[in-house]
Amino acid sequence: MWGGLFDGIISRAWAWRLAGLVLVALTIILFLFNLRRTAERAGRVAERIENLERANAIQRQMLAAASRRPRHRDDLVERLRDSGF
């Protein structure tokens, strides 16, 4: 019963056009969903890069401060006496 009904509908020209339009619409919808997911992924990657750059800047500041620190207690005492801080 269903096979004959299906064969009758598929043999019509308007059914082929309708199937083509449905496939085109489905393709467009899937493309838009994929585009949305790609944009979300790109946003997360951009946020991750910003956080990484911020962490690297802080680390560079810490390394620069460590390079200017007194090497031992005598240097610290000299800097305190000279008001170097």
N, C-alpha and C. Protein backbone atom coordinates (compact mmCIF):
# COMPACT_ATOMS: atom_id res chain seq x y z
N MET A 1 0.83 -1.19 0.00
CA MET A 1 0.00 0.00 0.00
C MET A 1 0.87 1.26 0.00
N TRP A 2 1.80 1.31 0.96
CA TRP A 2 2.64 2.50 1.06
C TRP A 2 3.58 2.60 -0.12
N GLY A 3 4.06 1.47 -0.59
CA GLY A 3 4.97 1.47 -1.73
C GLY A 3 4.31 2.03 -2.98
N GLY A 4 3.05 1.65 -3.21
CA GLY A 4 2.34 2.17 -4.38
C GLY A 4 2.06 3.64 -4.25
N LEU A 5 1.71 4.09 -3.06
CA LEU A 5 1.46 5.52 -2.82
C LEU A 5 2.75 6.32 -3.03
N PHE A 6 3.84 5.78 -2.50
CA PHE A 6 5.13 6.45 -2.65
C PHE A 6 5.54 6.52 -4.12
N ASP A 7 5.37 5.42 -4.83
CA ASP A 7 5.71 5.41 -6.26
C ASP A 7 4.85 6.41 -7.04
N GLY A 8 3.58 6.52 -6.67
CA GLY A 8 2.70 7.47 -7.36
C GLY A 8 3.10 8.91 -7.13
N ILE A 9 3.53 9.22 -5.91
CA ILE A 9 3.92 10.60 -5.60
C ILE A 9 5.25 10.94 -6.26
N ILE A 10 6.20 9.99 -6.23
CA ILE A 10 7.52 10.25 -6.79
C ILE A 10 7.46 10.41 -8.31
N SER A 11 6.48 9.84 -8.92
CA SER A 11 6.41 9.94 -10.38
C SER A 11 5.89 11.30 -10.85
N ARG A 12 5.45 12.12 -9.98
CA ARG A 12 4.92 13.46 -10.33
C ARG A 12 6.06 14.47 -10.41
N ALA A 13 5.94 15.38 -11.35
CA ALA A 13 6.98 16.41 -11.53
C ALA A 13 6.99 17.39 -10.36
N TRP A 14 5.83 17.76 -9.85
CA TRP A 14 5.78 18.71 -8.73
C TRP A 14 6.41 18.11 -7.47
N ALA A 15 6.35 16.78 -7.33
CA ALA A 15 6.97 16.15 -6.16
C ALA A 15 8.49 16.28 -6.24
N TRP A 16 9.04 16.13 -7.44
CA TRP A 16 10.49 16.29 -7.61
C TRP A 16 10.91 17.73 -7.32
N ARG A 17 10.11 18.68 -7.78
CA ARG A 17 10.42 20.09 -7.51
C ARG A 17 10.36 20.37 -6.02
N LEU A 18 9.32 19.84 -5.37
CA LEU A 18 9.17 20.03 -3.93
C LEU A 18 10.34 19.40 -3.18
N ALA A 19 10.73 18.21 -3.57
CA ALA A 19 11.87 17.55 -2.93
C ALA A 19 13.15 18.37 -3.14
N GLY A 20 13.33 18.93 -4.32
CA GLY A 20 14.50 19.77 -4.58
C GLY A 20 14.50 21.02 -3.72
N LEU A 21 13.33 21.65 -3.58
CA LEU A 21 13.25 22.84 -2.74
C LEU A 21 13.49 22.51 -1.27
N VAL A 22 12.98 21.38 -0.83
CA VAL A 22 13.21 20.95 0.55
C VAL A 22 14.70 20.71 0.78
N LEU A 23 15.35 20.07 -0.16
CA LEU A 23 16.79 19.83 -0.02
C LEU A 23 17.60 21.12 -0.02
N VAL A 24 17.20 22.07 -0.86
CA VAL A 24 17.88 23.37 -0.89
C VAL A 24 17.69 24.09 0.45
N ALA A 25 16.45 24.08 0.96
CA ALA A 25 16.18 24.73 2.24
C ALA A 25 16.96 24.06 3.37
N LEU A 26 16.98 22.74 3.36
CA LEU A 26 17.73 22.01 4.39
C LEU A 26 19.22 22.32 4.31
N THR A 27 19.75 22.42 3.12
CA THR A 27 21.17 22.75 2.93
C THR A 27 21.47 24.14 3.48
N ILE A 28 20.61 25.09 3.19
CA ILE A 28 20.82 26.46 3.67
C ILE A 28 20.75 26.51 5.20
N ILE A 29 19.78 25.82 5.77
CA ILE A 29 19.63 25.82 7.24
C ILE A 29 20.86 25.20 7.89
N LEU A 30 21.33 24.07 7.36
CA LEU A 30 22.51 23.44 7.93
C LEU A 30 23.74 24.32 7.77
N PHE A 31 23.85 25.01 6.65
CA PHE A 31 24.97 25.93 6.44
C PHE A 31 24.94 27.05 7.48
N LEU A 32 23.77 27.60 7.75
CA LEU A 32 23.67 28.69 8.72
C LEU A 32 23.99 28.21 10.13
N PHE A 33 23.54 27.00 10.49
CA PHE A 33 23.89 26.46 11.80
C PHE A 33 25.39 26.24 11.93
N ASN A 34 26.00 25.74 10.87
CA ASN A 34 27.44 25.52 10.89
C ASN A 34 28.19 26.85 10.97
N LEU A 35 27.70 27.87 10.28
CA LEU A 35 28.31 29.19 10.33
C LEU A 35 28.25 29.76 11.74
N ARG A 36 27.13 29.55 12.41
CA ARG A 36 26.96 30.02 13.79
C ARG A 36 27.94 29.32 14.72
N ARG A 37 28.06 28.01 14.58
CA ARG A 37 28.99 27.26 15.43
C ARG A 37 30.43 27.69 15.18
N THR A 38 30.76 27.96 13.93
CA THR A 38 32.11 28.40 13.59
C THR A 38 32.41 29.76 14.22
N ALA A 39 31.43 30.65 14.20
CA ALA A 39 31.61 31.97 14.80
C ALA A 39 31.79 31.85 16.32
N GLU A 40 31.03 30.96 16.95
CA GLU A 40 31.19 30.76 18.39
C GLU A 40 32.59 30.23 18.71
N ARG A 41 33.05 29.27 17.90
CA ARG A 41 34.39 28.72 18.10
C ARG A 41 35.45 29.80 17.93
N ALA A 42 35.29 30.64 16.91
CA ALA A 42 36.26 31.72 16.67
C ALA A 42 36.26 32.70 17.84
N GLY A 43 35.10 32.96 18.40
CA GLY A 43 35.02 33.86 19.56
C GLY A 43 35.74 33.28 20.76
N ARG A 44 35.58 31.97 20.98
CA ARG A 44 36.27 31.33 22.10
C ARG A 44 37.78 31.34 21.89
N VAL A 45 38.22 31.13 20.67
CA VAL A 45 39.66 31.15 20.37
C VAL A 45 40.22 32.56 20.58
N ALA A 46 39.48 33.57 20.15
CA ALA A 46 39.93 34.95 20.34
C ALA A 46 40.03 35.29 21.82
N GLU A 47 39.07 34.83 22.61
CA GLU A 47 39.12 35.08 24.05
C GLU A 47 40.31 34.37 24.69
N ARG A 48 40.57 33.15 24.25
CA ARG A 48 41.71 32.40 24.78
C ARG A 48 43.02 33.10 24.43
N ILE A 49 43.12 33.64 23.23
CA ILE A 49 44.34 34.36 22.82
C ILE A 49 44.52 35.62 23.66
N GLU A 50 43.43 36.35 23.91
CA GLU A 50 43.52 37.55 24.75
C GLU A 50 44.02 37.20 26.14
N ASN A 51 43.48 36.13 26.72
CA ASN A 51 43.91 35.72 28.06
C ASN A 51 45.37 35.31 28.05
N LEU A 52 45.80 34.62 27.00
CA LEU A 52 47.19 34.21 26.90
C LEU A 52 48.12 35.42 26.77
N GLU A 53 47.73 36.40 25.97
CA GLU A 53 48.54 37.62 25.83
C GLU A 53 48.62 38.38 27.13
N ARG A 54 47.50 38.45 27.87
CA ARG A 54 47.50 39.14 29.16
C ARG A 54 48.43 38.42 30.14
N ALA A 55 48.36 37.10 30.17
CA ALA A 55 49.23 36.34 31.07
C ALA A 55 50.70 36.51 30.69
N ASN A 56 50.99 36.53 29.39
CA ASN A 56 52.37 36.73 28.95
C ASN A 56 52.88 38.12 29.32
N ALA A 57 52.02 39.13 29.21
CA ALA A 57 52.44 40.48 29.58
C ALA A 57 52.75 40.55 31.08
N ILE A 58 51.93 39.92 31.88
CA ILE A 58 52.17 39.91 33.33
C ILE A 58 53.47 39.17 33.64
N GLN A 59 53.70 38.06 32.96
CA GLN A 59 54.93 37.31 33.19
C GLN A 59 56.16 38.12 32.78
N ARG A 60 56.06 38.85 31.66
CA ARG A 60 57.18 39.71 31.25
C ARG A 60 57.45 40.78 32.30
N GLN A 61 56.39 41.36 32.87
CA GLN A 61 56.57 42.37 33.92
C GLN A 61 57.25 41.76 35.14
N MET A 62 56.84 40.55 35.49
CA MET A 62 57.45 39.89 36.64
C MET A 62 58.92 39.59 36.38
N LEU A 63 59.24 39.15 35.16
CA LEU A 63 60.64 38.88 34.83
C LEU A 63 61.47 40.16 34.82
N ALA A 64 60.89 41.24 34.32
CA ALA A 64 61.61 42.53 34.32
C ALA A 64 61.86 42.99 35.76
N ALA A 65 60.86 42.84 36.62
CA ALA A 65 61.04 43.22 38.02
C ALA A 65 62.08 42.34 38.70
N ALA A 66 62.08 41.05 38.36
CA ALA A 66 63.06 40.15 38.96
C ALA A 66 64.47 40.48 38.50
N SER A 67 64.62 40.99 37.28
CA SER A 67 65.96 41.33 36.79
C SER A 67 66.51 42.58 37.48
N ARG A 68 65.64 43.41 38.03
CA ARG A 68 66.08 44.63 38.72
C ARG A 68 66.24 44.45 40.22
N ARG A 69 65.93 43.27 40.72
CA ARG A 69 65.98 43.07 42.18
C ARG A 69 67.43 43.00 42.65
N PRO A 70 67.63 43.27 43.92
CA PRO A 70 68.98 43.14 44.49
C PRO A 70 69.42 41.67 44.48
N ARG A 71 70.69 41.44 44.20
CA ARG A 71 71.18 40.07 44.07
C ARG A 71 71.36 39.39 45.43
N HIS A 72 71.78 40.16 46.43
CA HIS A 72 71.96 39.58 47.77
C HIS A 72 71.71 40.66 48.80
N ARG A 73 71.88 40.32 50.06
CA ARG A 73 71.50 41.24 51.15
C ARG A 73 72.31 42.53 51.13
N ASP A 74 73.55 42.44 50.78
CA ASP A 74 74.38 43.65 50.77
C ASP A 74 73.86 44.65 49.74
N ASP A 75 73.48 44.15 48.57
CA ASP A 75 72.90 45.05 47.57
C ASP A 75 71.60 45.66 48.07
N LEU A 76 70.81 44.87 48.77
CA LEU A 76 69.55 45.37 49.32
C LEU A 76 69.81 46.48 50.34
N VAL A 77 70.77 46.26 51.19
CA VAL A 77 71.10 47.27 52.21
C VAL A 77 71.59 48.54 51.52
N GLU A 78 72.42 48.42 50.50
CA GLU A 78 72.91 49.60 49.78
C GLU A 78 71.77 50.36 49.12
N ARG A 79 70.84 49.64 48.52
CA ARG A 79 69.71 50.31 47.87
C ARG A 79 68.83 51.00 48.90
N LEU A 80 68.67 50.39 50.07
CA LEU A 80 67.85 51.02 51.10
C LEU A 80 68.55 52.29 51.63
N ARG A 81 69.86 52.25 51.77
CA ARG A 81 70.61 53.40 52.26
C ARG A 81 70.60 54.53 51.24
N ASP A 82 70.64 54.17 49.95
CA ASP A 82 70.65 55.18 48.89
C ASP A 82 69.24 55.61 48.49
N SER A 83 68.23 55.10 49.15
CA SER A 83 66.82 55.38 48.81
C SER A 83 66.52 54.97 47.37
N GLY A 84 66.99 53.81 47.00
CA GLY A 84 66.81 53.33 45.64
C GLY A 84 65.44 52.71 45.37
N PHE A 85 64.64 52.57 46.41
CA PHE A 85 63.33 51.96 46.19
C PHE A 85 62.28 53.00 46.00
